[in-house]
Amino acid sequence: MLYRLEIENFFSIRDRQVIDLMIAPNVPDLDDRYAPVFAGSQARAPKVVAILGANASGKTTVLRALEFIVSMIRDSAQRTFPGFPCERFNDLESASRPIRLAIELGGVMNLSPETMKRVQDPASVEKGLYRYELCIEMKDGKAQRIEGEALRQKPRGHGKWQRVFERTADNTVKDSKSFPLSGYQHLLNTLRPNASVLSSFALFQHPTAALFVDIARRALFQLEAGSAQDQQIIQFLVQHPDVLARLNRELGRIDVGVESMRVENTPQGPAPLFKHSGLHSEMPWVLESHGTRTFIKMFPGIAVTLAQGGLFAIDELDAFIHPLILPEIIRWFHDKSHNACDAQLWLTCHSASLLDVLNKEEIVICEKDRQGRTRVYSLMDVKVRRDENHYRKYLSGVYGGVPHIG
C-alpha cells in the first residue's frame, strides 16, 4: 500500500511537496475505507485517493510524478531514447536544480526468491516499509543523468531506514545482503545515466531487482486518451474474456439500453459492437456515447487492479461519467468482496459531488499560485472536522483548490 509521495521540481511543482497519507491508528474506519500499510501494521492508508483542484492546478502532475517513478523502476533500461520523459519547473532558478522524487510503501522485507517462497506462511516473513528515492541532475534546463537513487527498508516500520541499495553521484552502487551485487558487478560498467538500477539489473535477471520490477508492474495508469489506447483496450478485452464478461454485467447495470458488447474480428482489426434493447442492429464503437466508451476504457485497469492488488491511477475519472456512477466505482475499492487484495485507486476529478462520499483522509487538494507553482496537500493537513460537509466547504473555498473567477 502506497502511503507517501514526494515531488520537487517536476512540471508545475517547483518546491518540495509531500503527500503523506498515513492514517493514525485511532481514526475510526466503519466501512473498510483504509487498509494496513503492510500486513499486521496498525498504520493505515486510504484505498481511494481523490485529487481535486481547479483547471491547470497540477492534479495531473501528481499522477505524472507517480507514473514517472514507476516507469523508471519498471522499464527505463529498455528505453532506446536518451534523456528522460519529464520536465522541470519552468523558471530560471529551477533550470539547474535537480528533480527529486520519492515514494514510500509497505511490503515484505529482505525481498528475495527465498523470501517469496515463504510468503504463503504469513508468520514466517517479516514486513515493513520501503522508501525509493530518485534524483535527476538538471543542467541548463535539460535532464542530464540520475544523480542519486536509493531503496531503503524499515523492518516492522520501526527504527532507522536501512540500505537495500544506494547509487551515488559518481555512479557507484552500494549493495546489501538483500540486494547483493555478487555476480552482477559487470552491469555497473554499462549502467546507463537515464536507467534505474532496478530496471537495469532486472533486465539481466537479478532476482531481487526482478521482484521489485514485478511489484512496479502492478501499478497501472490511464493518463492519456487517444485512438491507439482504444485499440489496446479492445485487444485486451479480446484476450481476457473473463474481464469482458464482467464488463458486460456492469454495462447492463449502469448504461441505459445497452444489453451487451461483443468484439468482432474484421480486416481492420477487432471491432466492438453493442446490442441495445429496442434497436434492430448492433451499434459500432464510434456511435456509442462518450460516457460508455470512457467507462469501457477504464474498466480493464480497474478490474485487473482489484483482482491482483496494486494501484490504478486515472486522470479525470469524472470526464463523461454520470455523477451517480462515480460513487459506485469508489465503492468497488471500499468493498472487501470486490477488493480482497486492498488495491488502491488514485484519481483526479472536478466533480465536487464526489466529496459527499469521501472521508477527509481520502481527499487531496491541488492549487496553483500566481507564479505558476503547484501546492499539494491532504485534508489531513487542514483543520477539518470529521462530520463537516466537504462538498459545501470545498465549493466555498475553505479548503482551497477552487478557481478564482472575476
Protein backbone atom coordinates (compact mmCIF):
# COMPACT_ATOMS: atom_id res chain seq x y z
CA MET A 1 0.00 0.00 0.00
CA LEU A 2 1.46 3.35 -1.10
CA TYR A 3 1.21 5.97 1.62
CA ARG A 4 3.67 8.75 0.72
CA LEU A 5 4.69 10.65 -2.42
CA GLU A 6 7.30 13.42 -2.57
CA ILE A 7 7.77 15.67 -5.61
CA GLU A 8 10.19 18.53 -6.29
CA ASN A 9 10.99 20.50 -9.48
CA PHE A 10 8.70 18.38 -11.64
CA PHE A 11 6.45 20.06 -14.25
CA SER A 12 4.30 22.61 -12.32
CA ILE A 13 5.64 21.57 -8.90
CA ARG A 14 8.60 23.78 -8.04
CA ASP A 15 9.15 23.37 -4.30
CA ARG A 16 9.09 20.04 -2.48
CA GLN A 17 5.56 18.80 -1.96
CA VAL A 18 4.75 15.85 0.30
CA ILE A 19 1.54 13.83 0.17
CA ASP A 20 1.54 11.83 3.39
CA LEU A 21 -1.49 9.55 3.60
CA MET A 22 -0.55 7.65 6.76
CA ILE A 23 -3.63 7.39 8.97
CA ALA A 24 -3.32 7.23 12.73
CA PRO A 25 -4.48 4.04 14.50
CA ASN A 26 -7.20 5.90 16.44
CA VAL A 27 -9.06 7.10 13.31
CA PRO A 28 -12.33 5.10 13.02
CA ASP A 29 -12.99 3.03 9.90
CA LEU A 30 -16.55 1.74 9.93
CA ASP A 31 -16.80 0.84 6.24
CA ASP A 32 -13.38 -0.53 5.22
CA ARG A 33 -12.03 2.60 3.53
CA TYR A 34 -8.49 2.14 4.84
CA ALA A 35 -6.02 -0.74 4.66
CA PRO A 36 -2.88 -1.59 6.64
CA VAL A 37 0.25 -0.18 5.03
CA PHE A 38 1.61 -3.70 5.35
CA ALA A 39 0.01 -6.85 6.75
CA GLY A 40 -0.18 -6.63 10.53
CA SER A 41 0.59 -2.91 10.68
CA GLN A 42 -1.52 -0.57 12.79
CA ALA A 43 -0.67 2.28 10.42
CA ARG A 44 -3.11 2.54 7.51
CA ALA A 45 -3.58 4.38 4.22
CA PRO A 46 -6.74 5.07 2.19
CA LYS A 47 -7.75 2.70 -0.59
CA VAL A 48 -9.04 5.69 -2.56
CA VAL A 49 -7.08 8.92 -3.09
CA ALA A 50 -9.08 11.66 -4.85
CA ILE A 51 -7.18 14.73 -6.08
CA LEU A 52 -9.26 17.85 -6.65
CA GLY A 53 -8.40 21.36 -7.78
CA ALA A 54 -9.01 23.99 -10.42
CA ASN A 55 -8.07 23.53 -14.06
CA ALA A 56 -4.27 23.53 -14.57
CA SER A 57 -3.68 23.43 -10.80
CA GLY A 58 -1.33 20.44 -11.05
CA LYS A 59 -3.60 17.45 -10.45
CA THR A 60 -2.28 15.58 -13.49
CA THR A 61 1.28 16.48 -12.47
CA VAL A 62 0.85 14.47 -9.26
CA LEU A 63 -0.17 11.37 -11.22
CA ARG A 64 2.57 12.03 -13.78
CA ALA A 65 5.14 12.04 -10.99
CA LEU A 66 3.86 8.73 -9.68
CA GLU A 67 3.80 7.23 -13.17
CA PHE A 68 7.32 8.51 -13.87
CA ILE A 69 8.75 6.87 -10.73
CA VAL A 70 7.05 3.58 -11.56
CA SER A 71 8.23 3.68 -15.19
CA MET A 72 11.80 4.39 -14.07
CA ILE A 73 11.70 1.33 -11.82
CA ARG A 74 9.95 -0.85 -14.35
CA ASP A 75 11.28 -0.20 -17.83
CA SER A 76 13.80 2.67 -18.01
CA ALA A 77 16.55 0.23 -19.08
CA GLN A 78 14.50 -0.77 -22.12
CA ARG A 79 14.07 2.75 -23.49
CA THR A 80 16.03 3.48 -26.64
CA PHE A 81 15.92 7.28 -26.50
CA PRO A 82 18.30 9.47 -24.46
CA GLY A 83 17.22 11.74 -21.63
CA PHE A 84 14.07 11.47 -19.53
CA PRO A 85 10.34 11.79 -20.35
CA CYS A 86 9.75 14.62 -17.87
CA GLU A 87 10.14 18.37 -17.45
CA ARG A 88 11.42 20.58 -14.65
CA PHE A 89 9.62 23.66 -13.35
CA ASN A 90 9.83 26.48 -15.87
CA ASP A 91 11.74 29.24 -14.13
CA LEU A 92 15.38 30.28 -14.39
CA GLU A 93 16.43 29.07 -10.96
CA SER A 94 14.93 25.61 -11.48
CA ALA A 95 16.86 25.11 -14.73
CA SER A 96 19.81 23.78 -12.73
CA ARG A 97 18.02 22.39 -9.67
CA PRO A 98 17.64 18.60 -9.51
CA ILE A 99 14.34 16.81 -9.94
CA ARG A 100 13.68 14.85 -6.75
CA LEU A 101 11.01 12.20 -6.33
CA ALA A 102 10.30 9.60 -3.65
CA ILE A 103 7.64 7.07 -2.71
CA GLU A 104 7.05 5.06 0.44
CA LEU A 105 5.02 1.87 0.65
CA GLY A 106 4.62 -1.28 2.68
CA GLY A 107 5.77 -4.76 1.76
CA VAL A 108 7.75 -7.89 2.56
CA MET A 109 11.23 -7.15 3.92
CA ASN A 110 14.53 -8.55 2.62
CA LEU A 111 12.80 -9.41 -0.63
CA SER A 112 14.36 -12.41 -2.38
CA PRO A 113 13.18 -15.57 -4.16
CA GLU A 114 13.69 -17.49 -0.91
CA THR A 115 11.54 -14.97 0.99
CA MET A 116 8.81 -15.18 -1.66
CA LYS A 117 8.63 -18.96 -1.23
CA ARG A 118 7.70 -18.38 2.41
CA VAL A 119 5.10 -15.68 1.75
CA GLN A 120 2.25 -18.22 1.84
CA ASP A 121 3.00 -18.59 5.54
CA PRO A 122 2.48 -15.01 6.77
CA ALA A 123 4.13 -15.64 10.13
CA SER A 124 7.41 -16.68 8.51
CA VAL A 125 8.20 -13.42 6.70
CA GLU A 126 8.99 -10.00 8.09
CA LYS A 127 7.13 -7.00 6.71
CA GLY A 128 7.71 -3.27 6.92
CA LEU A 129 8.22 -0.10 4.91
CA TYR A 130 10.16 0.69 1.75
CA ARG A 131 11.38 4.07 0.53
CA TYR A 132 12.53 4.60 -3.06
CA GLU A 133 14.28 7.87 -3.94
CA LEU A 134 15.30 9.25 -7.32
CA CYS A 135 17.35 12.39 -8.02
CA ILE A 136 17.92 13.62 -11.59
CA GLU A 137 20.61 16.18 -12.36
CA MET A 138 19.49 19.24 -14.34
CA LYS A 139 21.79 21.49 -16.35
CA ASP A 140 20.67 24.50 -18.38
CA GLY A 141 17.10 23.24 -18.24
CA LYS A 142 17.87 19.74 -19.51
CA ALA A 143 17.78 16.50 -17.54
CA GLN A 144 21.29 15.03 -17.68
CA ARG A 145 21.55 11.85 -15.63
CA ILE A 146 20.49 10.03 -12.50
CA GLU A 147 22.47 11.76 -9.79
CA GLY A 148 21.18 9.61 -6.94
CA GLU A 149 18.97 6.57 -6.47
CA ALA A 150 18.24 4.58 -3.34
CA LEU A 151 15.98 1.89 -2.00
CA ARG A 152 15.70 1.63 1.77
CA GLN A 153 13.67 -0.52 4.12
CA LYS A 154 12.38 -0.19 7.66
CA PRO A 155 11.51 -3.62 9.13
CA ARG A 156 8.19 -3.60 11.04
CA GLY A 157 8.02 0.12 10.32
CA HIS A 158 10.26 0.98 13.27
CA GLY A 159 13.75 2.36 13.70
CA LYS A 160 16.01 3.87 11.06
CA TRP A 161 15.95 3.33 7.32
CA GLN A 162 18.29 0.52 6.25
CA ARG A 163 20.02 0.48 2.87
CA VAL A 164 18.85 -2.05 0.29
CA PHE A 165 20.99 -0.35 -2.35
CA GLU A 166 22.25 3.16 -2.97
CA ARG A 167 23.56 4.76 -6.15
CA THR A 168 25.75 7.83 -5.70
CA ALA A 169 26.61 10.75 -7.98
CA ASP A 170 29.74 9.01 -9.29
CA ASN A 171 27.59 6.04 -10.39
CA THR A 172 28.86 3.82 -7.57
CA VAL A 173 26.28 1.34 -6.28
CA LYS A 174 26.41 0.16 -2.68
CA ASP A 175 24.67 -3.13 -2.08
CA SER A 176 23.33 -5.04 0.94
CA LYS A 177 22.51 -8.60 1.97
CA SER A 178 19.04 -8.21 0.48
CA PHE A 179 20.41 -6.72 -2.76
CA PRO A 180 23.79 -8.39 -3.45
CA LEU A 181 25.98 -7.31 -6.37
CA SER A 182 27.93 -10.57 -6.42
CA GLY A 183 27.81 -11.91 -9.98
CA TYR A 184 26.41 -8.62 -11.32
CA GLN A 185 29.40 -6.27 -10.89
CA HIS A 186 29.86 -6.14 -14.66
CA LEU A 187 26.50 -4.37 -15.01
CA LEU A 188 27.90 -1.32 -13.25
CA ASN A 189 30.14 -0.65 -16.26
CA THR A 190 27.15 -0.41 -18.60
CA LEU A 191 24.67 1.28 -16.23
CA ARG A 192 23.11 4.00 -18.38
CA PRO A 193 22.76 7.51 -16.96
CA ASN A 194 19.00 7.54 -17.63
CA ALA A 195 18.19 3.99 -16.46
CA SER A 196 17.46 2.90 -12.90
CA VAL A 197 19.42 0.24 -11.05
CA LEU A 198 16.25 -1.81 -10.55
CA SER A 199 15.26 -1.80 -14.21
CA SER A 200 18.83 -2.42 -15.41
CA PHE A 201 19.53 -5.31 -13.05
CA ALA A 202 16.11 -6.90 -13.61
CA LEU A 203 16.87 -6.96 -17.34
CA PHE A 204 19.71 -9.37 -16.52
CA GLN A 205 17.65 -11.49 -14.09
CA HIS A 206 18.98 -10.10 -10.82
CA PRO A 207 16.44 -11.90 -8.58
CA THR A 208 15.73 -9.10 -6.09
CA ALA A 209 15.57 -6.39 -8.77
CA ALA A 210 13.22 -8.56 -10.82
CA LEU A 211 10.88 -8.95 -7.84
CA PHE A 212 10.72 -5.18 -7.31
CA VAL A 213 10.05 -4.64 -11.01
CA ASP A 214 7.19 -7.15 -10.77
CA ILE A 215 5.75 -5.09 -7.92
CA ALA A 216 6.00 -1.95 -10.10
CA ARG A 217 4.06 -3.72 -12.86
CA ARG A 218 1.08 -3.81 -10.52
CA ALA A 219 0.74 -0.04 -10.84
CA LEU A 220 -1.43 0.81 -13.86
CA PHE A 221 -2.01 4.30 -15.26
CA GLN A 222 -4.58 5.88 -17.56
CA LEU A 223 -3.49 9.47 -18.05
CA GLU A 224 -3.71 9.98 -21.80
CA ALA A 225 -6.60 9.38 -24.20
CA GLY A 226 -6.39 8.51 -27.88
CA SER A 227 -7.29 6.05 -30.61
CA ALA A 228 -4.14 3.98 -30.01
CA GLN A 229 -5.21 3.44 -26.39
CA ASP A 230 -8.71 2.49 -27.58
CA GLN A 231 -7.26 -0.30 -29.69
CA GLN A 232 -5.11 -1.54 -26.81
CA ILE A 233 -8.15 -1.72 -24.53
CA ILE A 234 -10.23 -3.56 -27.13
CA GLN A 235 -7.39 -6.02 -27.78
CA PHE A 236 -7.08 -6.62 -24.04
CA LEU A 237 -10.79 -7.46 -23.80
CA VAL A 238 -10.43 -9.92 -26.68
CA GLN A 239 -7.57 -11.66 -24.86
CA HIS A 240 -9.38 -11.67 -21.49
CA PRO A 241 -12.97 -12.86 -22.00
CA ASP A 242 -13.49 -13.05 -18.22
CA VAL A 243 -12.93 -9.28 -17.95
CA LEU A 244 -15.26 -8.72 -20.92
CA ALA A 245 -17.94 -10.81 -19.18
CA ARG A 246 -17.62 -8.71 -16.01
CA LEU A 247 -17.73 -5.54 -18.09
CA ASN A 248 -20.97 -6.65 -19.73
CA ARG A 249 -22.55 -7.28 -16.33
CA GLU A 250 -21.66 -3.75 -15.21
CA LEU A 251 -22.73 -2.16 -18.51
CA GLY A 252 -26.14 -3.73 -18.13
CA ARG A 253 -26.43 -2.12 -14.69
CA ILE A 254 -25.24 1.41 -15.44
CA ASP A 255 -25.90 2.10 -19.13
CA VAL A 256 -29.46 2.76 -20.30
CA GLY A 257 -30.34 0.38 -23.11
CA VAL A 258 -27.01 -1.43 -23.56
CA GLU A 259 -27.61 -5.17 -23.24
CA SER A 260 -24.15 -6.41 -24.15
CA MET A 261 -20.92 -5.73 -26.00
CA ARG A 262 -19.03 -8.18 -28.18
CA VAL A 263 -15.89 -7.87 -30.26
CA GLU A 264 -15.88 -8.97 -33.91
CA ASN A 265 -12.71 -9.65 -35.89
CA THR A 266 -12.54 -7.56 -39.07
CA PRO A 267 -9.82 -6.96 -41.70
CA GLN A 268 -9.12 -3.68 -39.88
CA GLY A 269 -8.78 -5.40 -36.51
CA PRO A 270 -11.12 -6.16 -33.58
CA ALA A 271 -14.29 -4.06 -33.65
CA PRO A 272 -16.66 -3.70 -30.68
CA LEU A 273 -20.37 -3.97 -31.36
CA PHE A 274 -23.13 -3.06 -28.90
CA LYS A 275 -26.55 -4.63 -28.63
CA HIS A 276 -29.19 -2.14 -27.49
CA SER A 277 -32.67 -3.05 -26.35
CA GLY A 278 -35.23 -1.87 -28.88
CA LEU A 279 -32.71 -1.36 -31.71
CA HIS A 280 -32.59 -3.62 -34.77
CA SER A 281 -28.84 -3.59 -35.49
CA GLU A 282 -25.78 -3.61 -33.29
CA MET A 283 -24.09 -0.25 -32.82
CA PRO A 284 -20.39 0.26 -33.64
CA TRP A 285 -17.82 1.81 -31.27
CA VAL A 286 -17.84 5.23 -32.94
CA LEU A 287 -21.60 5.65 -32.44
CA GLU A 288 -21.56 4.82 -28.76
CA SER A 289 -21.70 7.64 -26.22
CA HIS A 290 -18.53 9.18 -24.79
CA GLY A 291 -19.66 8.02 -21.37
CA THR A 292 -19.99 4.37 -22.40
CA ARG A 293 -16.63 4.40 -24.17
CA THR A 294 -14.94 6.13 -21.24
CA PHE A 295 -16.29 3.55 -18.81
CA ILE A 296 -15.16 0.69 -21.05
CA LYS A 297 -11.65 2.14 -21.37
CA MET A 298 -11.19 2.48 -17.62
CA PHE A 299 -12.79 -0.85 -16.68
CA PRO A 300 -9.91 -3.25 -17.55
CA GLY A 301 -7.44 -1.29 -15.40
CA ILE A 302 -9.90 -1.25 -12.51
CA ALA A 303 -10.78 -4.95 -12.88
CA VAL A 304 -7.16 -6.12 -13.07
CA THR A 305 -6.10 -3.97 -10.10
CA LEU A 306 -8.98 -5.19 -7.94
CA ALA A 307 -8.17 -8.80 -8.84
CA GLN A 308 -4.41 -8.75 -8.23
CA GLY A 309 -3.88 -5.80 -5.90
CA GLY A 310 -1.62 -2.86 -6.60
CA LEU A 311 -2.57 0.61 -7.76
CA PHE A 312 -4.68 2.10 -10.54
CA ALA A 313 -4.30 5.81 -11.32
CA ILE A 314 -6.68 7.58 -13.66
CA ASP A 315 -6.82 11.21 -14.73
CA GLU A 316 -10.22 12.92 -14.86
CA LEU A 317 -12.28 9.97 -13.69
CA ASP A 318 -15.41 12.08 -13.94
CA ALA A 319 -14.97 13.02 -17.63
CA PHE A 320 -18.16 11.88 -19.42
CA ILE A 321 -19.16 9.68 -16.46
CA HIS A 322 -22.50 10.35 -14.76
CA PRO A 323 -22.03 11.58 -11.17
CA LEU A 324 -24.13 8.68 -9.85
CA ILE A 325 -21.68 6.18 -11.39
CA LEU A 326 -18.63 7.69 -9.69
CA PRO A 327 -19.60 6.62 -6.13
CA GLU A 328 -20.23 3.10 -7.46
CA ILE A 329 -16.64 2.87 -8.74
CA ILE A 330 -15.38 4.21 -5.41
CA ARG A 331 -17.42 1.57 -3.56
CA TRP A 332 -15.71 -1.22 -5.51
CA PHE A 333 -12.44 -0.24 -3.83
CA HIS A 334 -14.02 0.11 -0.39
CA ASP A 335 -15.88 -3.21 -0.61
CA LYS A 336 -13.91 -6.27 0.54
CA SER A 337 -15.97 -8.53 -1.73
CA HIS A 338 -14.63 -6.57 -4.73
CA ASN A 339 -11.26 -5.55 -3.28
CA ALA A 340 -9.93 -8.51 -1.32
CA CYS A 341 -6.31 -7.54 -2.10
CA ASP A 342 -6.56 -3.96 -0.74
CA ALA A 343 -5.92 -2.40 -4.14
CA GLN A 344 -5.59 1.38 -4.26
CA LEU A 345 -7.27 3.89 -6.60
CA TRP A 346 -5.67 7.29 -7.30
CA LEU A 347 -7.82 9.68 -9.32
CA THR A 348 -8.18 13.29 -10.33
CA CYS A 349 -11.56 14.86 -10.85
CA HIS A 350 -13.56 18.11 -10.81
CA SER A 351 -16.80 16.59 -9.54
CA ALA A 352 -17.28 18.20 -6.13
CA SER A 353 -20.31 15.95 -5.53
CA LEU A 354 -17.85 13.09 -5.03
CA LEU A 355 -16.76 14.79 -1.80
CA ASP A 356 -20.06 13.70 -0.23
CA VAL A 357 -18.90 10.06 -0.32
CA LEU A 358 -15.26 10.59 0.72
CA ASN A 359 -13.63 10.97 4.12
CA LYS A 360 -11.05 13.70 4.66
CA GLU A 361 -8.26 11.07 4.64
CA GLU A 362 -9.16 10.30 1.02
CA ILE A 363 -9.05 13.89 -0.28
CA VAL A 364 -6.00 15.71 -1.68
CA ILE A 365 -6.15 19.32 -2.88
CA CYS A 366 -4.04 20.97 -5.59
CA GLU A 367 -3.81 24.71 -6.08
CA LYS A 368 -1.51 26.96 -8.08
CA ASP A 369 -0.26 30.42 -7.10
CA ARG A 370 0.26 33.41 -9.41
CA GLN A 371 3.86 32.33 -10.08
CA GLY A 372 2.59 29.05 -11.55
CA ARG A 373 3.75 26.93 -8.59
CA THR A 374 1.59 23.98 -7.54
CA ARG A 375 0.94 23.26 -3.88
CA VAL A 376 -0.41 19.84 -2.87
CA TYR A 377 -1.84 18.87 0.50
CA SER A 378 -4.11 16.29 2.09
CA LEU A 379 -7.19 17.38 4.01
CA MET A 380 -5.50 15.65 6.94
CA ASP A 381 -3.09 18.62 6.86
CA VAL A 382 -6.01 21.06 7.25
CA LYS A 383 -8.12 21.61 10.35
CA VAL A 384 -11.21 19.74 9.18
CA ARG A 385 -13.94 18.25 11.38
CA ARG A 386 -14.87 14.69 10.53
CA ASP A 387 -18.58 15.46 10.32
CA GLU A 388 -18.43 18.65 8.24
CA ASN A 389 -19.89 18.97 4.75
CA HIS A 390 -16.86 18.56 2.45
CA TYR A 391 -18.86 19.46 -0.65
CA ARG A 392 -20.06 22.80 0.70
CA LYS A 393 -16.76 23.71 2.34
CA TYR A 394 -14.76 22.94 -0.80
CA LEU A 395 -17.00 24.94 -3.14
CA SER A 396 -16.98 27.87 -0.72
CA GLY A 397 -13.18 27.95 -0.95
CA VAL A 398 -12.44 26.95 2.66
CA TYR A 399 -10.15 24.11 1.58
CA GLY A 400 -8.58 25.98 -1.36
CA GLY A 401 -8.13 24.43 -4.78
CA VAL A 402 -11.07 26.24 -6.44
CA PRO A 403 -10.84 28.63 -9.42
CA HIS A 404 -10.86 32.38 -8.78
CA ILE A 405 -13.40 33.87 -11.19
CA GLY A 406 -13.66 37.57 -11.87
